[in-house]
Amino acid sequence: MPTFSSKSQTKLMTCDKKLRAICEELIKEIDFIVLCGNRDKVQQDEALKNGTSKLKFPLSKHNKFPSLAVDIAPYPINWNDIERFKDLAARFKRIAEEKGVTINWGGDWRMRDYPHFELV
C-alpha cells in the first residue's frame, strides 16, 4: 500500500481536516504526491508569476490557513498522462462524496488545473 513521503505529509498538514481525511483515504488506493497545501504571500506571488495560479494573494483558497485547497498528482508524475489525473480525480471525488464533503476539481474548469481540488 502506498504511503505519503515526509514532504507530502508536511504539505498535507497545512490543509483543512476534510481535505486531509480524503487524501488519507485516497493514499490507501493509489500512489500520489501532495504538491501544495497552504501558500504564503511569497509562494502565492511566485505561483502567479510562473502561471500556476491566476489569483493574487490572499484570494486563492491555498492562502487560507488551514488551506481550503490541495494540489496533488499521481506518482510517479507524468504531466502528459491526463488519464491518470482523471483517474485520481474520480477516486478523490468518490471519497469526498462518501464523506459528505463538497469539492471542486480544477480539471472540470474551462482553464484546466488537473492537480487542484478545493472545498466548496
PDB file of N, CA and C in Angstrom:
ATOM      1  N   MET A   1       0.848  -1.180   0.000  1.00  0.00           N
ATOM      2  CA  MET A   1       0.000   0.000   0.000  1.00  0.00           C
ATOM      3  C   MET A   1       0.898   1.249   0.000  1.00  0.00           C
ATOM      4  N   PRO A   2       0.575   2.220  -0.845  1.00  0.00           N
ATOM      5  CA  PRO A   2       1.369   3.451  -0.879  1.00  0.00           C
ATOM      6  C   PRO A   2       1.264   4.220   0.440  1.00  0.00           C
ATOM      7  N   THR A   3       2.275   5.021   0.710  1.00  0.00           N
ATOM      8  CA  THR A   3       2.268   5.902   1.880  1.00  0.00           C
ATOM      9  C   THR A   3       2.794   7.270   1.458  1.00  0.00           C
ATOM     10  N   PHE A   4       2.510   8.279   2.260  1.00  0.00           N
ATOM     11  CA  PHE A   4       2.975   9.630   1.975  1.00  0.00           C
ATOM     12  C   PHE A   4       4.460   9.761   2.298  1.00  0.00           C
ATOM     13  N   SER A   5       5.168  10.498   1.459  1.00  0.00           N
ATOM     14  CA  SER A   5       6.537  10.887   1.786  1.00  0.00           C
ATOM     15  C   SER A   5       6.462  11.924   2.902  1.00  0.00           C
ATOM     16  N   SER A   6       7.578  12.209   3.527  1.00  0.00           N
ATOM     17  CA  SER A   6       7.572  13.217   4.589  1.00  0.00           C
ATOM     18  C   SER A   6       7.230  14.595   4.020  1.00  0.00           C
ATOM     19  N   LYS A   7       7.668  14.898   2.779  1.00  0.00           N
ATOM     20  CA  LYS A   7       7.322  16.188   2.159  1.00  0.00           C
ATOM     21  C   LYS A   7       5.823  16.285   1.920  1.00  0.00           C
ATOM     22  N   SER A   8       5.216  15.212   1.411  1.00  0.00           N
ATOM     23  CA  SER A   8       3.766  15.218   1.187  1.00  0.00           C
ATOM     24  C   SER A   8       3.016  15.356   2.503  1.00  0.00           C
ATOM     25  N   GLN A   9       3.460  14.664   3.532  1.00  0.00           N
ATOM     26  CA  GLN A   9       2.808  14.761   4.843  1.00  0.00           C
ATOM     27  C   GLN A   9       2.858  16.190   5.372  1.00  0.00           C
ATOM     28  N   THR A  10       4.013  16.828   5.244  1.00  0.00           N
ATOM     29  CA  THR A  10       4.174  18.198   5.727  1.00  0.00           C
ATOM     30  C   THR A  10       3.226  19.140   5.002  1.00  0.00           C
ATOM     31  N   LYS A  11       3.135  19.011   3.686  1.00  0.00           N
ATOM     32  CA  LYS A  11       2.244  19.869   2.899  1.00  0.00           C
ATOM     33  C   LYS A  11       0.783  19.580   3.223  1.00  0.00           C
ATOM     34  N   LEU A  12       0.446  18.295   3.378  1.00  0.00           N
ATOM     35  CA  LEU A  12      -0.933  17.910   3.676  1.00  0.00           C
ATOM     36  C   LEU A  12      -1.374  18.453   5.029  1.00  0.00           C
ATOM     37  N   MET A  13      -0.466  18.528   5.987  1.00  0.00           N
ATOM     38  CA  MET A  13      -0.812  19.012   7.325  1.00  0.00           C
ATOM     39  C   MET A  13      -1.201  20.492   7.325  1.00  0.00           C
ATOM     40  N   THR A  14      -0.934  21.218   6.239  1.00  0.00           N
ATOM     41  CA  THR A  14      -1.335  22.625   6.153  1.00  0.00           C
ATOM     42  C   THR A  14      -2.757  22.771   5.617  1.00  0.00           C
ATOM     43  N   CYS A  15      -3.392  21.643   5.287  1.00  0.00           N
ATOM     44  CA  CYS A  15      -4.731  21.657   4.679  1.00  0.00           C
ATOM     45  C   CYS A  15      -5.833  21.443   5.711  1.00  0.00           C
ATOM     46  N   ASP A  16      -7.021  21.865   5.353  1.00  0.00           N
ATOM     47  CA  ASP A  16      -8.220  21.640   6.160  1.00  0.00           C
ATOM     48  C   ASP A  16      -8.377  20.144   6.454  1.00  0.00           C
ATOM     49  N   LYS A  17      -8.925  19.841   7.615  1.00  0.00           N
ATOM     50  CA  LYS A  17      -9.060  18.439   8.034  1.00  0.00           C
ATOM     51  C   LYS A  17      -9.909  17.616   7.068  1.00  0.00           C
ATOM     52  N   LYS A  18     -10.859  18.235   6.381  1.00  0.00           N
ATOM     53  CA  LYS A  18     -11.676  17.489   5.415  1.00  0.00           C
ATOM     54  C   LYS A  18     -10.830  17.034   4.232  1.00  0.00           C
ATOM     55  N   LEU A  19      -9.968  17.905   3.746  1.00  0.00           N
ATOM     56  CA  LEU A  19      -9.068  17.530   2.641  1.00  0.00           C
ATOM     57  C   LEU A  19      -8.072  16.478   3.101  1.00  0.00           C
ATOM     58  N   ARG A  20      -7.570  16.626   4.317  1.00  0.00           N
ATOM     59  CA  ARG A  20      -6.637  15.628   4.858  1.00  0.00           C
ATOM     60  C   ARG A  20      -7.293  14.261   4.930  1.00  0.00           C
ATOM     61  N   ALA A  21      -8.535  14.220   5.396  1.00  0.00           N
ATOM     62  CA  ALA A  21      -9.236  12.937   5.539  1.00  0.00           C
ATOM     63  C   ALA A  21      -9.432  12.269   4.178  1.00  0.00           C
ATOM     64  N   ILE A  22      -9.770  13.050   3.169  1.00  0.00           N
ATOM     65  CA  ILE A  22      -9.942  12.492   1.820  1.00  0.00           C
ATOM     66  C   ILE A  22      -8.611  11.936   1.318  1.00  0.00           C
ATOM     67  N   CYS A  23      -7.557  12.721   1.461  1.00  0.00           N
ATOM     68  CA  CYS A  23      -6.243  12.283   0.979  1.00  0.00           C
ATOM     69  C   CYS A  23      -5.740  11.057   1.738  1.00  0.00           C
ATOM     70  N   GLU A  24      -5.984  10.999   3.030  1.00  0.00           N
ATOM     71  CA  GLU A  24      -5.553   9.850   3.829  1.00  0.00           C
ATOM     72  C   GLU A  24      -6.274   8.572   3.414  1.00  0.00           C
ATOM     73  N   GLU A  25      -7.508   8.698   2.958  1.00  0.00           N
ATOM     74  CA  GLU A  25      -8.237   7.536   2.435  1.00  0.00           C
ATOM     75  C   GLU A  25      -7.755   7.202   1.021  1.00  0.00           C
ATOM     76  N   LEU A  26      -7.527   8.216   0.225  1.00  0.00           N
ATOM     77  CA  LEU A  26      -7.112   8.043  -1.168  1.00  0.00           C
ATOM     78  C   LEU A  26      -5.768   7.341  -1.288  1.00  0.00           C
ATOM     79  N   ILE A  27      -4.828   7.643  -0.402  1.00  0.00           N
ATOM     80  CA  ILE A  27      -3.491   7.039  -0.482  1.00  0.00           C
ATOM     81  C   ILE A  27      -3.552   5.526  -0.271  1.00  0.00           C
ATOM     82  N   LYS A  28      -4.618   5.032   0.318  1.00  0.00           N
ATOM     83  CA  LYS A  28      -4.792   3.593   0.505  1.00  0.00           C
ATOM     84  C   LYS A  28      -5.095   2.895  -0.822  1.00  0.00           C
ATOM     85  N   GLU A  29      -5.539   3.676  -1.839  1.00  0.00           N
ATOM     86  CA  GLU A  29      -5.936   3.125  -3.131  1.00  0.00           C
ATOM     87  C   GLU A  29      -4.924   3.365  -4.245  1.00  0.00           C
ATOM     88  N   ILE A  30      -4.265   4.509  -4.194  1.00  0.00           N
ATOM     89  CA  ILE A  30      -3.441   4.938  -5.323  1.00  0.00           C
ATOM     90  C   ILE A  30      -2.304   5.816  -4.812  1.00  0.00           C
ATOM     91  N   ASP A  31      -1.141   5.664  -5.436  1.00  0.00           N
ATOM     92  CA  ASP A  31       0.006   6.461  -5.016  1.00  0.00           C
ATOM     93  C   ASP A  31      -0.070   7.846  -5.649  1.00  0.00           C
ATOM     94  N   PHE A  32       0.135   8.873  -4.838  1.00  0.00           N
ATOM     95  CA  PHE A  32       0.148  10.245  -5.330  1.00  0.00           C
ATOM     96  C   PHE A  32       1.016  11.095  -4.427  1.00  0.00           C
ATOM     97  N   ILE A  33       1.364  12.259  -4.929  1.00  0.00           N
ATOM     98  CA  ILE A  33       2.198  13.205  -4.207  1.00  0.00           C
ATOM     99  C   ILE A  33       1.383  14.462  -3.922  1.00  0.00           C
ATOM    100  N   VAL A  34       1.593  15.047  -2.754  1.00  0.00           N
ATOM    101  CA  VAL A  34       0.964  16.326  -2.423  1.00  0.00           C
ATOM    102  C   VAL A  34       1.927  17.419  -2.879  1.00  0.00           C
ATOM    103  N   LEU A  35       1.487  18.194  -3.851  1.00  0.00           N
ATOM    104  CA  LEU A  35       2.316  19.249  -4.419  1.00  0.00           C
ATOM    105  C   LEU A  35       2.238  20.534  -3.613  1.00  0.00           C
ATOM    106  N   CYS A  36       1.038  20.824  -3.096  1.00  0.00           N
ATOM    107  CA  CYS A  36       0.833  22.112  -2.433  1.00  0.00           C
ATOM    108  C   CYS A  36      -0.391  22.057  -1.533  1.00  0.00           C
ATOM    109  N   GLY A  37      -0.255  22.651  -0.380  1.00  0.00           N
ATOM    110  CA  GLY A  37      -1.376  22.911   0.511  1.00  0.00           C
ATOM    111  C   GLY A  37      -1.466  24.417   0.665  1.00  0.00           C
ATOM    112  N   ASN A  38      -1.113  24.900   1.844  1.00  0.00           N
ATOM    113  CA  ASN A  38      -1.125  26.340   2.107  1.00  0.00           C
ATOM    114  C   ASN A  38       0.010  27.046   1.368  1.00  0.00           C
ATOM    115  N   ARG A  39      -0.301  28.244   0.863  1.00  0.00           N
ATOM    116  CA  ARG A  39       0.720  29.115   0.265  1.00  0.00           C
ATOM    117  C   ARG A  39       0.717  30.451   0.986  1.00  0.00           C
ATOM    118  N   ASP A  40       1.891  30.897   1.418  1.00  0.00           N
ATOM    119  CA  ASP A  40       2.004  32.236   1.991  1.00  0.00           C
ATOM    120  C   ASP A  40       2.100  33.250   0.851  1.00  0.00           C
ATOM    121  N   LYS A  41       2.258  34.521   1.186  1.00  0.00           N
ATOM    122  CA  LYS A  41       2.273  35.577   0.166  1.00  0.00           C
ATOM    123  C   LYS A  41       3.410  35.379  -0.839  1.00  0.00           C
ATOM    124  N   VAL A  42       4.584  35.056  -0.364  1.00  0.00           N
ATOM    125  CA  VAL A  42       5.733  34.861  -1.255  1.00  0.00           C
ATOM    126  C   VAL A  42       5.466  33.697  -2.218  1.00  0.00           C
ATOM    127  N   GLN A  43       4.960  32.591  -1.690  1.00  0.00           N
ATOM    128  CA  GLN A  43       4.665  31.426  -2.523  1.00  0.00           C
ATOM    129  C   GLN A  43       3.543  31.721  -3.522  1.00  0.00           C
ATOM    130  N   GLN A  44       2.520  32.470  -3.097  1.00  0.00           N
ATOM    131  CA  GLN A  44       1.415  32.806  -3.999  1.00  0.00           C
ATOM    132  C   GLN A  44       1.891  33.756  -5.092  1.00  0.00           C
ATOM    133  N   ASP A  45       2.719  34.733  -4.721  1.00  0.00           N
ATOM    134  CA  ASP A  45       3.270  35.645  -5.725  1.00  0.00           C
ATOM    135  C   ASP A  45       4.082  34.872  -6.763  1.00  0.00           C
ATOM    136  N   GLU A  46       4.852  33.883  -6.313  1.00  0.00           N
ATOM    137  CA  GLU A  46       5.649  33.055  -7.230  1.00  0.00           C
ATOM    138  C   GLU A  46       4.733  32.214  -8.126  1.00  0.00           C
ATOM    139  N   ALA A  47       3.669  31.644  -7.551  1.00  0.00           N
ATOM    140  CA  ALA A  47       2.719  30.853  -8.340  1.00  0.00           C
ATOM    141  C   ALA A  47       2.042  31.716  -9.403  1.00  0.00           C
ATOM    142  N   LEU A  48       1.719  32.936  -9.049  1.00  0.00           N
ATOM    143  CA  LEU A  48       1.122  33.872 -10.005  1.00  0.00           C
ATOM    144  C   LEU A  48       2.131  34.215 -11.114  1.00  0.00           C
ATOM    145  N   LYS A  49       3.353  34.469 -10.718  1.00  0.00           N
ATOM    146  CA  LYS A  49       4.407  34.835 -11.672  1.00  0.00           C
ATOM    147  C   LYS A  49       4.702  33.705 -12.663  1.00  0.00           C
ATOM    148  N   ASN A  50       4.759  32.455 -12.166  1.00  0.00           N
ATOM    149  CA  ASN A  50       5.104  31.341 -13.060  1.00  0.00           C
ATOM    150  C   ASN A  50       3.885  30.701 -13.729  1.00  0.00           C
ATOM    151  N   GLY A  51       2.692  31.241 -13.470  1.00  0.00           N
ATOM    152  CA  GLY A  51       1.500  30.793 -14.176  1.00  0.00           C
ATOM    153  C   GLY A  51       0.777  29.603 -13.582  1.00  0.00           C
ATOM    154  N   THR A  52       1.187  29.140 -12.398  1.00  0.00           N
ATOM    155  CA  THR A  52       0.475  28.025 -11.773  1.00  0.00           C
ATOM    156  C   THR A  52      -0.726  28.496 -10.961  1.00  0.00           C
ATOM    157  N   SER A  53      -0.918  29.808 -10.868  1.00  0.00           N
ATOM    158  CA  SER A  53      -2.118  30.385 -10.262  1.00  0.00           C
ATOM    159  C   SER A  53      -2.485  31.645 -11.027  1.00  0.00           C
ATOM    160  N   LYS A  54      -3.762  31.966 -11.014  1.00  0.00           N
ATOM    161  CA  LYS A  54      -4.236  33.186 -11.662  1.00  0.00           C
ATOM    162  C   LYS A  54      -4.695  34.217 -10.633  1.00  0.00           C
ATOM    163  N   LEU A  55      -4.553  33.884  -9.352  1.00  0.00           N
ATOM    164  CA  LEU A  55      -5.067  34.736  -8.281  1.00  0.00           C
ATOM    165  C   LEU A  55      -3.952  35.375  -7.467  1.00  0.00           C
ATOM    166  N   LYS A  56      -4.156  36.632  -7.110  1.00  0.00           N
ATOM    167  CA  LYS A  56      -3.223  37.332  -6.232  1.00  0.00           C
ATOM    168  C   LYS A  56      -3.499  36.936  -4.781  1.00  0.00           C
ATOM    169  N   PHE A  57      -2.472  37.041  -3.953  1.00  0.00           N
ATOM    170  CA  PHE A  57      -2.629  36.825  -2.522  1.00  0.00           C
ATOM    171  C   PHE A  57      -3.550  37.912  -1.970  1.00  0.00           C
ATOM    172  N   PRO A  58      -4.506  37.625  -1.132  1.00  0.00           N
ATOM    173  CA  PRO A  58      -4.855  36.374  -0.462  1.00  0.00           C
ATOM    174  C   PRO A  58      -6.112  35.724  -1.040  1.00  0.00           C
ATOM    175  N   LEU A  59      -6.325  35.850  -2.349  1.00  0.00           N
ATOM    176  CA  LEU A  59      -7.583  35.415  -2.962  1.00  0.00           C
ATOM    177  C   LEU A  59      -7.686  33.918  -3.236  1.00  0.00           C
ATOM    178  N   SER A  60      -6.565  33.201  -3.266  1.00  0.00           N
ATOM    179  CA  SER A  60      -6.586  31.763  -3.520  1.00  0.00           C
ATOM    180  C   SER A  60      -7.026  31.004  -2.272  1.00  0.00           C
ATOM    181  N   LYS A  61      -7.722  29.910  -2.483  1.00  0.00           N
ATOM    182  CA  LYS A  61      -8.088  29.055  -1.347  1.00  0.00           C
ATOM    183  C   LYS A  61      -6.848  28.425  -0.719  1.00  0.00           C
ATOM    184  N   HIS A  62      -5.727  28.418  -1.453  1.00  0.00           N
ATOM    185  CA  HIS A  62      -4.452  27.965  -0.887  1.00  0.00           C
ATOM    186  C   HIS A  62      -3.922  28.945   0.154  1.00  0.00           C
ATOM    187  N   ASN A  63      -4.413  30.183   0.142  1.00  0.00           N
ATOM    188  CA  ASN A  63      -3.896  31.221   1.037  1.00  0.00           C
ATOM    189  C   ASN A  63      -4.566  31.233   2.400  1.00  0.00           C
ATOM    190  N   LYS A  64      -5.582  30.434   2.595  1.00  0.00           N
ATOM    191  CA  LYS A  64      -6.221  30.320   3.907  1.00  0.00           C
ATOM    192  C   LYS A  64      -5.397  29.367   4.767  1.00  0.00           C
ATOM    193  N   PHE A  65      -5.532  29.501   6.075  1.00  0.00           N
ATOM    194  CA  PHE A  65      -4.887  28.520   6.957  1.00  0.00           C
ATOM    195  C   PHE A  65      -5.890  28.058   7.995  1.00  0.00           C
ATOM    196  N   PRO A  66      -6.207  26.770   7.982  1.00  0.00           N
ATOM    197  CA  PRO A  66      -5.654  25.771   7.068  1.00  0.00           C
ATOM    198  C   PRO A  66      -6.153  25.988   5.631  1.00  0.00           C
ATOM    199  N   SER A  67      -5.366  25.475   4.702  1.00  0.00           N
ATOM    200  CA  SER A  67      -5.678  25.646   3.284  1.00  0.00           C
ATOM    201  C   SER A  67      -7.001  24.975   2.928  1.00  0.00           C
ATOM    202  N   LEU A  68      -7.796  25.657   2.114  1.00  0.00           N
ATOM    203  CA  LEU A  68      -9.064  25.101   1.629  1.00  0.00           C
ATOM    204  C   LEU A  68      -8.878  24.444   0.270  1.00  0.00           C
ATOM    205  N   ALA A  69      -7.608  24.296  -0.151  1.00  0.00           N
ATOM    206  CA  ALA A  69      -7.291  23.660  -1.424  1.00  0.00           C
ATOM    207  C   ALA A  69      -6.044  22.801  -1.266  1.00  0.00           C
ATOM    208  N   VAL A  70      -5.968  21.783  -2.108  1.00  0.00           N
ATOM    209  CA  VAL A  70      -4.787  20.927  -2.157  1.00  0.00           C
ATOM    210  C   VAL A  70      -4.501  20.602  -3.619  1.00  0.00           C
ATOM    211  N   ASP A  71      -3.225  20.581  -3.968  1.00  0.00           N
ATOM    212  CA  ASP A  71      -2.800  20.163  -5.298  1.00  0.00           C
ATOM    213  C   ASP A  71      -2.083  18.836  -5.146  1.00  0.00           C
ATOM    214  N   ILE A  72      -2.527  17.837  -5.925  1.00  0.00           N
ATOM    215  CA  ILE A  72      -1.938  16.502  -5.860  1.00  0.00           C
ATOM    216  C   ILE A  72      -1.707  15.989  -7.278  1.00  0.00           C
ATOM    217  N   ALA A  73      -0.815  15.012  -7.395  1.00  0.00           N
ATOM    218  CA  ALA A  73      -0.535  14.415  -8.703  1.00  0.00           C
ATOM    219  C   ALA A  73      -0.250  12.936  -8.525  1.00  0.00           C
ATOM    220  N   PRO A  74      -0.690  12.120  -9.494  1.00  0.00           N
ATOM    221  CA  PRO A  74      -0.365  10.692  -9.429  1.00  0.00           C
ATOM    222  C   PRO A  74       1.153  10.502  -9.439  1.00  0.00           C
ATOM    223  N   TYR A  75       1.632   9.536  -8.665  1.00  0.00           N
ATOM    224  CA  TYR A  75       3.063   9.284  -8.577  1.00  0.00           C
ATOM    225  C   TYR A  75       3.394   7.940  -9.204  1.00  0.00           C
ATOM    226  N   PRO A  76       4.446   7.883 -10.017  1.00  0.00           N
ATOM    227  CA  PRO A  76       5.327   8.970 -10.424  1.00  0.00           C
ATOM    228  C   PRO A  76       4.600   9.936 -11.375  1.00  0.00           C
ATOM    229  N   ILE A  77       5.039  11.181 -11.340  1.00  0.00           N
ATOM    230  CA  ILE A  77       4.354  12.220 -12.113  1.00  0.00           C
ATOM    231  C   ILE A  77       4.722  12.131 -13.595  1.00  0.00           C
ATOM    232  N   ASN A  78       3.677  12.131 -14.420  1.00  0.00           N
ATOM    233  CA  ASN A  78       3.825  12.276 -15.872  1.00  0.00           C
ATOM    234  C   ASN A  78       2.784  13.316 -16.268  1.00  0.00           C
ATOM    235  N   TRP A  79       3.225  14.553 -16.466  1.00  0.00           N
ATOM    236  CA  TRP A  79       2.307  15.664 -16.734  1.00  0.00           C
ATOM    237  C   TRP A  79       1.522  15.469 -18.026  1.00  0.00           C
ATOM    238  N   ASN A  80       1.977  14.607 -18.901  1.00  0.00           N
ATOM    239  CA  ASN A  80       1.293  14.379 -20.178  1.00  0.00           C
ATOM    240  C   ASN A  80       0.238  13.282 -20.107  1.00  0.00           C
ATOM    241  N   ASP A  81       0.200  12.523 -19.016  1.00  0.00           N
ATOM    242  CA  ASP A  81      -0.763  11.424 -18.881  1.00  0.00           C
ATOM    243  C   ASP A  81      -2.013  11.924 -18.131  1.00  0.00           C
ATOM    244  N   ILE A  82      -2.848  12.628 -18.857  1.00  0.00           N
ATOM    245  CA  ILE A  82      -4.050  13.238 -18.267  1.00  0.00           C
ATOM    246  C   ILE A  82      -5.016  12.168 -17.749  1.00  0.00           C
ATOM    247  N   GLU A  83      -5.013  11.000 -18.354  1.00  0.00           N
ATOM    248  CA  GLU A  83      -5.911   9.930 -17.892  1.00  0.00           C
ATOM    249  C   GLU A  83      -5.601   9.528 -16.450  1.00  0.00           C
ATOM    250  N   ARG A  84      -4.352   9.547 -16.055  1.00  0.00           N
ATOM    251  CA  ARG A  84      -4.004   9.228 -14.663  1.00  0.00           C
ATOM    252  C   ARG A  84      -4.524  10.303 -13.716  1.00  0.00           C
ATOM    253  N   PHE A  85      -4.477  11.576 -14.143  1.00  0.00           N
ATOM    254  CA  PHE A  85      -5.039  12.655 -13.330  1.00  0.00           C
ATOM    255  C   PHE A  85      -6.557  12.489 -13.219  1.00  0.00           C
ATOM    256  N   LYS A  86      -7.195  12.104 -14.312  1.00  0.00           N
ATOM    257  CA  LYS A  86      -8.656  11.902 -14.293  1.00  0.00           C
ATOM    258  C   LYS A  86      -9.035  10.740 -13.382  1.00  0.00           C
ATOM    259  N   ASP A  87      -8.237   9.666 -13.398  1.00  0.00           N
ATOM    260  CA  ASP A  87      -8.497   8.530 -12.512  1.00  0.00           C
ATOM    261  C   ASP A  87      -8.340   8.952 -11.056  1.00  0.00           C
ATOM    262  N   LEU A  88      -7.278   9.692 -10.760  1.00  0.00           N
ATOM    263  CA  LEU A  88      -7.060  10.187  -9.403  1.00  0.00           C
ATOM    264  C   LEU A  88      -8.231  11.062  -8.964  1.00  0.00           C
ATOM    265  N   ALA A  89      -8.686  11.924  -9.869  1.00  0.00           N
ATOM    266  CA  ALA A  89      -9.805  12.827  -9.555  1.00  0.00           C
ATOM    267  C   ALA A  89     -11.097  12.049  -9.306  1.00  0.00           C
ATOM    268  N   ALA A  90     -11.358  11.043 -10.107  1.00  0.00           N
ATOM    269  CA  ALA A  90     -12.579  10.239  -9.917  1.00  0.00           C
ATOM    270  C   ALA A  90     -12.579   9.595  -8.533  1.00  0.00           C
ATOM    271  N   ARG A  91     -11.446   9.099  -8.125  1.00  0.00           N
ATOM    272  CA  ARG A  91     -11.340   8.479  -6.802  1.00  0.00           C
ATOM    273  C   ARG A  91     -11.489   9.534  -5.697  1.00  0.00           C
ATOM    274  N   PHE A  92     -10.841  10.698  -5.878  1.00  0.00           N
ATOM    275  CA  PHE A  92     -10.935  11.787  -4.906  1.00  0.00           C
ATOM    276  C   PHE A  92     -12.389  12.215  -4.747  1.00  0.00           C
ATOM    277  N   LYS A  93     -13.072  12.395  -5.875  1.00  0.00           N
ATOM    278  CA  LYS A  93     -14.483  12.820  -5.845  1.00  0.00           C
ATOM    279  C   LYS A  93     -15.360  11.783  -5.147  1.00  0.00           C
ATOM    280  N   ARG A  94     -15.127  10.494  -5.421  1.00  0.00           N
ATOM    281  CA  ARG A  94     -15.920   9.432  -4.800  1.00  0.00           C
ATOM    282  C   ARG A  94     -15.739   9.445  -3.285  1.00  0.00           C
ATOM    283  N   ILE A  95     -14.498   9.540  -2.842  1.00  0.00           N
ATOM    284  CA  ILE A  95     -14.231   9.553  -1.400  1.00  0.00           C
ATOM    285  C   ILE A  95     -14.840  10.797  -0.756  1.00  0.00           C
ATOM    286  N   ALA A  96     -14.712  11.939  -1.418  1.00  0.00           N
ATOM    287  CA  ALA A  96     -15.314  13.172  -0.891  1.00  0.00           C
ATOM    288  C   ALA A  96     -16.824  12.996  -0.736  1.00  0.00           C
ATOM    289  N   GLU A  97     -17.464  12.436  -1.752  1.00  0.00           N
ATOM    290  CA  GLU A  97     -18.912  12.219  -1.687  1.00  0.00           C
ATOM    291  C   GLU A  97     -19.270  11.269  -0.553  1.00  0.00           C
ATOM    292  N   GLU A  98     -18.502  10.185  -0.408  1.00  0.00           N
ATOM    293  CA  GLU A  98     -18.752   9.233   0.682  1.00  0.00           C
ATOM    294  C   GLU A  98     -18.644   9.907   2.048  1.00  0.00           C
ATOM    295  N   LYS A  99     -17.773  10.904   2.167  1.00  0.00           N
ATOM    296  CA  LYS A  99     -17.573  11.613   3.429  1.00  0.00           C
ATOM    297  C   LYS A  99     -18.492  12.821   3.572  1.00  0.00           C
ATOM    298  N   GLY A 100     -19.329  13.076   2.550  1.00  0.00           N
ATOM    299  CA  GLY A 100     -20.252  14.205   2.602  1.00  0.00           C
ATOM    300  C   GLY A 100     -19.570  15.551   2.429  1.00  0.00           C
ATOM    301  N   VAL A 101     -18.438  15.562   1.715  1.00  0.00           N
ATOM    302  CA  VAL A 101     -17.665  16.789   1.512  1.00  0.00           C
ATOM    303  C   VAL A 101     -17.853  17.248   0.068  1.00  0.00           C
ATOM    304  N   THR A 102     -18.246  18.503  -0.116  1.00  0.00           N
ATOM    305  CA  THR A 102     -18.431  19.060  -1.456  1.00  0.00           C
ATOM    306  C   THR A 102     -17.132  19.712  -1.903  1.00  0.00           C
ATOM    307  N   ILE A 103     -16.659  19.279  -3.068  1.00  0.00           N
ATOM    308  CA  ILE A 103     -15.398  19.803  -3.595  1.00  0.00           C
ATOM    309  C   ILE A 103     -15.566  20.231  -5.049  1.00  0.00           C
ATOM    310  N   ASN A 104     -14.633  21.038  -5.493  1.00  0.00           N
ATOM    311  CA  ASN A 104     -14.481  21.367  -6.911  1.00  0.00           C
ATOM    312  C   ASN A 104     -13.134  20.823  -7.353  1.00  0.00           C
ATOM    313  N   TRP A 105     -13.094  20.303  -8.578  1.00  0.00           N
ATOM    314  CA  TRP A 105     -11.841  19.828  -9.157  1.00  0.00           C
ATOM    315  C   TRP A 105     -11.452  20.753 -10.297  1.00  0.00           C
ATOM    316  N   GLY A 106     -10.222  21.205 -10.294  1.00  0.00           N
ATOM    317  CA  GLY A 106      -9.728  22.093 -11.333  1.00  0.00           C
ATOM    318  C   GLY A 106      -9.776  21.505 -12.732  1.00  0.00           C
ATOM    319  N   GLY A 107      -9.801  20.190 -12.843  1.00  0.00           N
ATOM    320  CA  GLY A 107      -9.896  19.539 -14.147  1.00  0.00           C
ATOM    321  C   GLY A 107     -11.258  19.721 -14.803  1.00  0.00           C
ATOM    322  N   ASP A 108     -12.251  20.157 -14.037  1.00  0.00           N
ATOM    323  CA  ASP A 108     -13.583  20.417 -14.577  1.00  0.00           C
ATOM    324  C   ASP A 108     -13.743  21.860 -15.047  1.00  0.00           C
ATOM    325  N   TRP A 109     -12.750  22.696 -14.800  1.00  0.00           N
ATOM    326  CA  TRP A 109     -12.823  24.101 -15.164  1.00  0.00           C
ATOM    327  C   TRP A 109     -12.466  24.305 -16.635  1.00  0.00           C
ATOM    328  N   ARG A 110     -12.892  25.435 -17.165  1.00  0.00           N
ATOM    329  CA  ARG A 110     -12.561  25.784 -18.555  1.00  0.00           C
ATOM    330  C   ARG A 110     -11.036  25.874 -18.721  1.00  0.00           C
ATOM    331  N   MET A 111     -10.390  26.529 -17.787  1.00  0.00           N
ATOM    332  CA  MET A 111      -8.918  26.584 -17.752  1.00  0.00           C
ATOM    333  C   MET A 111      -8.462  25.454 -16.841  1.00  0.00           C
ATOM    334  N   ARG A 112      -8.223  24.298 -17.398  1.00  0.00           N
ATOM    335  CA  ARG A 112      -7.951  23.075 -16.636  1.00  0.00           C
ATOM    336  C   ARG A 112      -6.785  23.225 -15.652  1.00  0.00           C
ATOM    337  N   ASP A 113      -7.014  22.729 -14.436  1.00  0.00           N
ATOM    338  CA  ASP A 113      -5.990  22.694 -13.384  1.00  0.00           C
ATOM    339  C   ASP A 113      -6.090  21.312 -12.746  1.00  0.00           C
ATOM    340  N   TYR A 114      -5.541  20.317 -13.443  1.00  0.00           N
ATOM    341  CA  TYR A 114      -5.741  18.918 -13.065  1.00  0.00           C
ATOM    342  C   TYR A 114      -5.295  18.558 -11.644  1.00  0.00           C
ATOM    343  N   PRO A 115      -4.242  19.144 -11.092  1.00  0.00           N
ATOM    344  CA  PRO A 115      -3.853  18.765  -9.737  1.00  0.00           C
ATOM    345  C   PRO A 115      -4.725  19.357  -8.629  1.00  0.00           C
ATOM    346  N   HIS A 116      -5.565  20.352  -8.936  1.00  0.00           N
ATOM    347  CA  HIS A 116      -6.224  21.174  -7.926  1.00  0.00           C
ATOM    348  C   HIS A 116      -7.586  20.639  -7.472  1.00  0.00           C
ATOM    349  N   PHE A 117      -7.746  20.569  -6.157  1.00  0.00           N
ATOM    350  CA  PHE A 117      -9.021  20.240  -5.510  1.00  0.00           C
ATOM    351  C   PHE A 117      -9.264  21.277  -4.437  1.00  0.00           C
ATOM    352  N   GLU A 118     -10.520  21.733  -4.307  1.00  0.00           N
ATOM    353  CA  GLU A 118     -10.824  22.725  -3.277  1.00  0.00           C
ATOM    354  C   GLU A 118     -12.185  22.470  -2.661  1.00  0.00           C
ATOM    355  N   LEU A 119     -12.300  22.874  -1.404  1.00  0.00           N
ATOM    356  CA  LEU A 119     -13.575  22.782  -0.703  1.00  0.00           C
ATOM    357  C   LEU A 119     -14.511  23.856  -1.237  1.00  0.00           C
ATOM    358  N   VAL A 120     -15.801  23.521  -1.290  1.00  0.00           N
ATOM    359  CA  VAL A 120     -16.808  24.489  -1.720  1.00  0.00           C
ATOM    360  C   VAL A 120     -17.333  25.201  -0.492  1.00  0.00           C
TER     361      VAL A 120
END
